[in-house]
C-alpha cells in the first residue's frame, strides 16, 4: 500500500437506523442514522448523524447529511 502524506482521521461506528422515507415517481428517499467514534489528528471525538439520499429519475444522486460531533477526553 502506498501512502501520500499523513493519515488525518480514522473512525469506526455503526448504522443504527435505515428506513425508506418515501417513494415518489419511482425514486426512493432513504435515511440512514449513524454513530461513530474516531480520531482527528490526536483528538478523540464522537459523531452522530443522519444521511439521506435519493436517485432522481434522470439518474443523479442527491444526498445530504446533518450531524453533531463532540470532543472526548
PDB file of N, CA and C in Angstrom:
ATOM      1  N   UNK A   1       0.837  -1.174   0.000  1.00  0.00           N
ATOM      2  CA  UNK A   1       0.000   0.000   0.000  1.00  0.00           C
ATOM      3  C   UNK A   1       0.885   1.241   0.000  1.00  0.00           C
ATOM      4  N   UNK A   2       0.565   2.195  -0.838  1.00  0.00           N
ATOM      5  CA  UNK A   2       1.310   3.440  -0.916  1.00  0.00           C
ATOM      6  C   UNK A   2       0.535   4.534  -0.204  1.00  0.00           C
ATOM      7  N   UNK A   3       1.228   5.325   0.596  1.00  0.00           N
ATOM      8  CA  UNK A   3       0.603   6.423   1.319  1.00  0.00           C
ATOM      9  C   UNK A   3       1.258   7.726   0.895  1.00  0.00           C
ATOM     10  N   UNK A   4       0.438   8.699   0.573  1.00  0.00           N
ATOM     11  CA  UNK A   4       0.934  10.035   0.267  1.00  0.00           C
ATOM     12  C   UNK A   4       0.491  10.928   1.416  1.00  0.00           C
ATOM     13  N   UNK A   5       1.413  11.499   2.122  1.00  0.00           N
ATOM     14  CA  UNK A   5       1.052  12.361   3.249  1.00  0.00           C
ATOM     15  C   UNK A   5       0.782  11.567   4.502  1.00  0.00           C
ATOM     16  N   UNK A   6      -0.003  12.160   5.358  1.00  0.00           N
ATOM     17  CA  UNK A   6      -0.232  11.636   6.697  1.00  0.00           C
ATOM     18  C   UNK A   6      -1.723  11.363   6.902  1.00  0.00           C
ATOM     19  N   UNK A   7      -2.049  10.317   7.645  1.00  0.00           N
ATOM     20  CA  UNK A   7      -3.434   9.990   7.953  1.00  0.00           C
ATOM     21  C   UNK A   7      -4.028  11.095   8.823  1.00  0.00           C
ATOM     22  N   UNK A   8      -5.156  11.665   8.404  1.00  0.00           N
ATOM     23  CA  UNK A   8      -5.782  12.756   9.148  1.00  0.00           C
ATOM     24  C   UNK A   8      -6.812  12.275  10.154  1.00  0.00           C
ATOM     25  N   UNK A   9      -7.616  11.294   9.751  1.00  0.00           N
ATOM     26  CA  UNK A   9      -8.679  10.835  10.636  1.00  0.00           C
ATOM     27  C   UNK A   9      -8.907   9.345  10.463  1.00  0.00           C
ATOM     28  N   UNK A  10      -9.390   8.736  11.507  1.00  0.00           N
ATOM     29  CA  UNK A  10      -9.755   7.323  11.481  1.00  0.00           C
ATOM     30  C   UNK A  10     -10.956   7.170  12.393  1.00  0.00           C
ATOM     31  N   UNK A  11     -12.001   6.477  11.906  1.00  0.00           N
ATOM     32  CA  UNK A  11     -13.181   6.311  12.758  1.00  0.00           C
ATOM     33  C   UNK A  11     -13.824   4.958  12.529  1.00  0.00           C
ATOM     34  N   UNK A  12     -14.551   4.524  13.540  1.00  0.00           N
ATOM     35  CA  UNK A  12     -15.303   3.274  13.496  1.00  0.00           C
ATOM     36  C   UNK A  12     -16.688   3.578  14.039  1.00  0.00           C
ATOM     37  N   UNK A  13     -17.667   2.844  13.557  1.00  0.00           N
ATOM     38  CA  UNK A  13     -19.012   3.101  14.051  1.00  0.00           C
ATOM     39  C   UNK A  13     -20.002   2.078  13.552  1.00  0.00           C
ATOM     40  N   UNK A  14     -21.267   2.477  13.656  1.00  0.00           N
ATOM     41  CA  UNK A  14     -22.329   1.583  13.225  1.00  0.00           C
ATOM     42  C   UNK A  14     -23.504   2.388  12.712  1.00  0.00           C
ATOM     43  N   UNK A  15     -24.265   1.746  11.832  1.00  0.00           N
ATOM     44  CA  UNK A  15     -25.519   2.314  11.364  1.00  0.00           C
ATOM     45  C   UNK A  15     -26.586   1.884  12.363  1.00  0.00           C
ATOM     46  N   UNK A  16     -27.344   2.824  12.871  1.00  0.00           N
ATOM     47  CA  UNK A  16     -28.319   2.491  13.903  1.00  0.00           C
ATOM     48  C   UNK A  16     -29.731   2.352  13.354  1.00  0.00           C
ATOM     49  N   UNK A  17     -30.057   3.080  12.288  1.00  0.00           N
ATOM     50  CA  UNK A  17     -31.400   3.011  11.698  1.00  0.00           C
ATOM     51  C   UNK A  17     -31.279   3.201  10.198  1.00  0.00           C
ATOM     52  N   UNK A  18     -32.025   2.408   9.441  1.00  0.00           N
ATOM     53  CA  UNK A  18     -32.182   2.611   7.997  1.00  0.00           C
ATOM     54  C   UNK A  18     -33.664   2.539   7.715  1.00  0.00           C
ATOM     55  N   UNK A  19     -34.169   3.528   6.962  1.00  0.00           N
ATOM     56  CA  UNK A  19     -35.586   3.474   6.623  1.00  0.00           C
ATOM     57  C   UNK A  19     -35.844   4.185   5.304  1.00  0.00           C
ATOM     58  N   UNK A  20     -36.884   3.736   4.618  1.00  0.00           N
ATOM     59  CA  UNK A  20     -37.330   4.374   3.383  1.00  0.00           C
ATOM     60  C   UNK A  20     -38.360   5.418   3.784  1.00  0.00           C
ATOM     61  N   UNK A  21     -38.092   6.680   3.442  1.00  0.00           N
ATOM     62  CA  UNK A  21     -38.991   7.771   3.811  1.00  0.00           C
ATOM     63  C   UNK A  21     -40.147   7.917   2.843  1.00  0.00           C
ATOM     64  N   UNK A  22     -39.870   7.781   1.549  1.00  0.00           N
ATOM     65  CA  UNK A  22     -40.932   7.915   0.557  1.00  0.00           C
ATOM     66  C   UNK A  22     -40.482   7.296  -0.760  1.00  0.00           C
ATOM     67  N   UNK A  23     -41.467   6.990  -1.590  1.00  0.00           N
ATOM     68  CA  UNK A  23     -41.203   6.541  -2.950  1.00  0.00           C
ATOM     69  C   UNK A  23     -42.121   7.362  -3.850  1.00  0.00           C
ATOM     70  N   UNK A  24     -41.531   8.318  -4.560  1.00  0.00           N
ATOM     71  CA  UNK A  24     -42.289   9.197  -5.446  1.00  0.00           C
ATOM     72  C   UNK A  24     -41.802   9.037  -6.869  1.00  0.00           C
ATOM     73  N   UNK A  25     -42.708   8.718  -7.776  1.00  0.00           N
ATOM     74  CA  UNK A  25     -42.380   8.576  -9.196  1.00  0.00           C
ATOM     75  C   UNK A  25     -41.190   7.657  -9.425  1.00  0.00           C
ATOM     76  N   UNK A  26     -41.106   6.582  -8.675  1.00  0.00           N
ATOM     77  CA  UNK A  26     -40.048   5.598  -8.852  1.00  0.00           C
ATOM     78  C   UNK A  26     -38.746   5.907  -8.156  1.00  0.00           C
ATOM     79  N   UNK A  27     -38.646   7.034  -7.445  1.00  0.00           N
ATOM     80  CA  UNK A  27     -37.422   7.395  -6.727  1.00  0.00           C
ATOM     81  C   UNK A  27     -37.651   7.220  -5.224  1.00  0.00           C
ATOM     82  N   UNK A  28     -36.832   6.403  -4.590  1.00  0.00           N
ATOM     83  CA  UNK A  28     -36.955   6.168  -3.150  1.00  0.00           C
ATOM     84  C   UNK A  28     -36.030   7.111  -2.390  1.00  0.00           C
ATOM     85  N   UNK A  29     -36.573   7.777  -1.381  1.00  0.00           N
ATOM     86  CA  UNK A  29     -35.753   8.599  -0.494  1.00  0.00           C
ATOM     87  C   UNK A  29     -35.450   7.754   0.737  1.00  0.00           C
ATOM     88  N   UNK A  30     -34.160   7.565   1.018  1.00  0.00           N
ATOM     89  CA  UNK A  30     -33.707   6.671   2.086  1.00  0.00           C
ATOM     90  C   UNK A  30     -32.952   7.485   3.128  1.00  0.00           C
ATOM     91  N   UNK A  31     -33.164   7.146   4.404  1.00  0.00           N
ATOM     92  CA  UNK A  31     -32.487   7.821   5.512  1.00  0.00           C
ATOM     93  C   UNK A  31     -31.692   6.784   6.310  1.00  0.00           C
ATOM     94  N   UNK A  32     -30.459   7.131   6.667  1.00  0.00           N
ATOM     95  CA  UNK A  32     -29.599   6.259   7.464  1.00  0.00           C
ATOM     96  C   UNK A  32     -29.040   7.074   8.624  1.00  0.00           C
ATOM     97  N   UNK A  33     -29.186   6.566   9.845  1.00  0.00           N
ATOM     98  CA  UNK A  33     -28.645   7.230  11.029  1.00  0.00           C
ATOM     99  C   UNK A  33     -27.424   6.452  11.497  1.00  0.00           C
ATOM    100  N   UNK A  34     -26.383   7.189  11.932  1.00  0.00           N
ATOM    101  CA  UNK A  34     -25.124   6.541  12.294  1.00  0.00           C
ATOM    102  C   UNK A  34     -24.544   7.162  13.561  1.00  0.00           C
ATOM    103  N   UNK A  35     -23.651   6.416  14.182  1.00  0.00           N
ATOM    104  CA  UNK A  35     -22.838   6.940  15.286  1.00  0.00           C
ATOM    105  C   UNK A  35     -21.431   6.381  15.129  1.00  0.00           C
ATOM    106  N   UNK A  36     -20.432   7.246  15.331  1.00  0.00           N
ATOM    107  CA  UNK A  36     -19.043   6.842  15.172  1.00  0.00           C
ATOM    108  C   UNK A  36     -18.188   7.399  16.304  1.00  0.00           C
ATOM    109  N   UNK A  37     -17.041   6.776  16.485  1.00  0.00           N
ATOM    110  CA  UNK A  37     -16.001   7.257  17.392  1.00  0.00           C
ATOM    111  C   UNK A  37     -14.731   7.283  16.569  1.00  0.00           C
ATOM    112  N   UNK A  38     -13.969   8.365  16.676  1.00  0.00           N
ATOM    113  CA  UNK A  38     -12.765   8.443  15.861  1.00  0.00           C
ATOM    114  C   UNK A  38     -11.729   9.393  16.416  1.00  0.00           C
ATOM    115  N   UNK A  39     -10.686   9.548  15.637  1.00  0.00           N
ATOM    116  CA  UNK A  39      -9.586  10.455  15.955  1.00  0.00           C
ATOM    117  C   UNK A  39      -9.380  11.389  14.779  1.00  0.00           C
ATOM    118  N   UNK A  40      -9.231  12.661  15.047  1.00  0.00           N
ATOM    119  CA  UNK A  40      -8.829  13.653  14.058  1.00  0.00           C
ATOM    120  C   UNK A  40      -7.505  14.194  14.561  1.00  0.00           C
ATOM    121  N   UNK A  41      -6.427  13.834  13.896  1.00  0.00           N
ATOM    122  CA  UNK A  41      -5.072  14.026  14.405  1.00  0.00           C
ATOM    123  C   UNK A  41      -4.991  13.266  15.736  1.00  0.00           C
ATOM    124  N   UNK A  42      -4.780  13.911  16.863  1.00  0.00           N
ATOM    125  CA  UNK A  42      -4.713  13.214  18.149  1.00  0.00           C
ATOM    126  C   UNK A  42      -5.928  13.487  19.030  1.00  0.00           C
ATOM    127  N   UNK A  43      -6.987  14.050  18.476  1.00  0.00           N
ATOM    128  CA  UNK A  43      -8.188  14.393  19.246  1.00  0.00           C
ATOM    129  C   UNK A  43      -9.251  13.326  19.019  1.00  0.00           C
ATOM    130  N   UNK A  44      -9.727  12.742  20.099  1.00  0.00           N
ATOM    131  CA  UNK A  44     -10.772  11.726  20.029  1.00  0.00           C
ATOM    132  C   UNK A  44     -12.132  12.409  19.994  1.00  0.00           C
ATOM    133  N   UNK A  45     -13.056  11.913  19.150  1.00  0.00           N
ATOM    134  CA  UNK A  45     -14.386  12.508  19.051  1.00  0.00           C
ATOM    135  C   UNK A  45     -15.456  11.442  18.879  1.00  0.00           C
ATOM    136  N   UNK A  46     -16.687  11.835  19.149  1.00  0.00           N
ATOM    137  CA  UNK A  46     -17.879  11.035  18.885  1.00  0.00           C
ATOM    138  C   UNK A  46     -18.742  11.821  17.914  1.00  0.00           C
ATOM    139  N   UNK A  47     -19.296  11.159  16.920  1.00  0.00           N
ATOM    140  CA  UNK A  47     -20.160  11.826  15.952  1.00  0.00           C
ATOM    141  C   UNK A  47     -21.472  11.063  15.819  1.00  0.00           C
ATOM    142  N   UNK A  48     -22.566  11.799  15.733  1.00  0.00           N
ATOM    143  CA  UNK A  48     -23.894  11.255  15.485  1.00  0.00           C
ATOM    144  C   UNK A  48     -24.452  11.990  14.279  1.00  0.00           C
ATOM    145  N   UNK A  49     -25.140  11.293  13.396  1.00  0.00           N
ATOM    146  CA  UNK A  49     -25.661  11.994  12.230  1.00  0.00           C
ATOM    147  C   UNK A  49     -26.687  11.189  11.470  1.00  0.00           C
ATOM    148  N   UNK A  50     -27.305  11.875  10.519  1.00  0.00           N
ATOM    149  CA  UNK A  50     -28.291  11.272   9.638  1.00  0.00           C
ATOM    150  C   UNK A  50     -27.946  11.647   8.204  1.00  0.00           C
ATOM    151  N   UNK A  51     -27.893  10.653   7.344  1.00  0.00           N
ATOM    152  CA  UNK A  51     -27.625  10.819   5.926  1.00  0.00           C
ATOM    153  C   UNK A  51     -28.894  10.447   5.178  1.00  0.00           C
ATOM    154  N   UNK A  52     -29.326  11.290   4.262  1.00  0.00           N
ATOM    155  CA  UNK A  52     -30.459  10.944   3.415  1.00  0.00           C
ATOM    156  C   UNK A  52     -30.018  11.001   1.958  1.00  0.00           C
ATOM    157  N   UNK A  53     -30.641  10.208   1.131  1.00  0.00           N
ATOM    158  CA  UNK A  53     -30.276  10.195  -0.283  1.00  0.00           C
ATOM    159  C   UNK A  53     -31.440   9.693  -1.128  1.00  0.00           C
ATOM    160  N   UNK A  54     -31.459  10.111  -2.385  1.00  0.00           N
ATOM    161  CA  UNK A  54     -32.365   9.533  -3.359  1.00  0.00           C
ATOM    162  C   UNK A  54     -31.794   9.722  -4.755  1.00  0.00           C
ATOM    163  N   UNK A  55     -32.236   8.866  -5.669  1.00  0.00           N
ATOM    164  CA  UNK A  55     -31.807   8.947  -7.052  1.00  0.00           C
ATOM    165  C   UNK A  55     -32.952   9.545  -7.853  1.00  0.00           C
ATOM    166  N   UNK A  56     -32.654  10.653  -8.534  1.00  0.00           N
ATOM    167  CA  UNK A  56     -33.677  11.301  -9.351  1.00  0.00           C
ATOM    168  C   UNK A  56     -33.960  10.462 -10.591  1.00  0.00           C
ATOM    169  N   UNK A  57     -35.115  10.653 -11.205  1.00  0.00           N
ATOM    170  CA  UNK A  57     -35.443   9.885 -12.417  1.00  0.00           C
ATOM    171  C   UNK A  57     -34.400  10.029 -13.530  1.00  0.00           C
ATOM    172  N   UNK A  58     -33.654  11.160 -13.570  1.00  0.00           N
ATOM    173  CA  UNK A  58     -32.616  11.318 -14.598  1.00  0.00           C
ATOM    174  C   UNK A  58     -31.302  10.635 -14.222  1.00  0.00           C
ATOM    175  N   UNK A  59     -31.262   9.942 -13.046  1.00  0.00           N
ATOM    176  CA  UNK A  59     -30.096   9.174 -12.637  1.00  0.00           C
ATOM    177  C   UNK A  59     -29.150   9.882 -11.689  1.00  0.00           C
ATOM    178  N   UNK A  60     -29.357  11.166 -11.413  1.00  0.00           N
ATOM    179  CA  UNK A  60     -28.487  11.903 -10.493  1.00  0.00           C
ATOM    180  C   UNK A  60     -28.775  11.516  -9.043  1.00  0.00           C
ATOM    181  N   UNK A  61     -27.703  11.319  -8.282  1.00  0.00           N
ATOM    182  CA  UNK A  61     -27.817  11.009  -6.860  1.00  0.00           C
ATOM    183  C   UNK A  61     -27.826  12.314  -6.076  1.00  0.00           C
ATOM    184  N   UNK A  62     -28.833  12.503  -5.257  1.00  0.00           N
ATOM    185  CA  UNK A  62     -28.956  13.678  -4.402  1.00  0.00           C
ATOM    186  C   UNK A  62     -28.814  13.183  -2.963  1.00  0.00           C
ATOM    187  N   UNK A  63     -28.015  13.886  -2.149  1.00  0.00           N
ATOM    188  CA  UNK A  63     -27.832  13.447  -0.770  1.00  0.00           C
ATOM    189  C   UNK A  63     -27.550  14.640   0.126  1.00  0.00           C
ATOM    190  N   UNK A  64     -27.691  14.407   1.405  1.00  0.00           N
ATOM    191  CA  UNK A  64     -27.383  15.423   2.401  1.00  0.00           C
ATOM    192  C   UNK A  64     -27.098  14.746   3.726  1.00  0.00           C
ATOM    193  N   UNK A  65     -26.453  15.469   4.615  1.00  0.00           N
ATOM    194  CA  UNK A  65     -26.125  14.906   5.922  1.00  0.00           C
ATOM    195  C   UNK A  65     -26.263  15.997   6.975  1.00  0.00           C
ATOM    196  N   UNK A  66     -26.793  15.622   8.108  1.00  0.00           N
ATOM    197  CA  UNK A  66     -26.860  16.502   9.273  1.00  0.00           C
ATOM    198  C   UNK A  66     -26.240  15.732  10.427  1.00  0.00           C
ATOM    199  N   UNK A  67     -25.461  16.430  11.251  1.00  0.00           N
ATOM    200  CA  UNK A  67     -24.814  15.693  12.315  1.00  0.00           C
ATOM    201  C   UNK A  67     -24.296  16.578  13.426  1.00  0.00           C
ATOM    202  N   UNK A  68     -23.687  15.902  14.380  1.00  0.00           N
ATOM    203  CA  UNK A  68     -23.163  16.531  15.578  1.00  0.00           C
ATOM    204  C   UNK A  68     -21.920  15.774  15.975  1.00  0.00           C
ATOM    205  N   UNK A  69     -20.884  16.480  16.406  1.00  0.00           N
ATOM    206  CA  UNK A  69     -19.649  15.827  16.873  1.00  0.00           C
ATOM    207  C   UNK A  69     -19.206  16.487  18.159  1.00  0.00           C
ATOM    208  N   UNK A  70     -18.602  15.713  19.035  1.00  0.00           N
ATOM    209  CA  UNK A  70     -18.124  16.237  20.315  1.00  0.00           C
ATOM    210  C   UNK A  70     -16.736  15.696  20.607  1.00  0.00           C
ATOM    211  N   UNK A  71     -15.911  16.544  21.175  1.00  0.00           N
ATOM    212  CA  UNK A  71     -14.579  16.165  21.608  1.00  0.00           C
ATOM    213  C   UNK A  71     -14.708  15.268  22.837  1.00  0.00           C
ATOM    214  N   UNK A  72     -13.912  14.231  22.890  1.00  0.00           N
ATOM    215  CA  UNK A  72     -13.926  13.327  24.046  1.00  0.00           C
ATOM    216  C   UNK A  72     -12.574  13.372  24.709  1.00  0.00           C
ATOM    217  N   UNK A  73     -12.561  13.435  26.027  1.00  0.00           N
ATOM    218  CA  UNK A  73     -11.292  13.444  26.761  1.00  0.00           C
ATOM    219  C   UNK A  73     -10.899  12.073  27.192  1.00  0.00           C
TER     220      UNK A  73
END
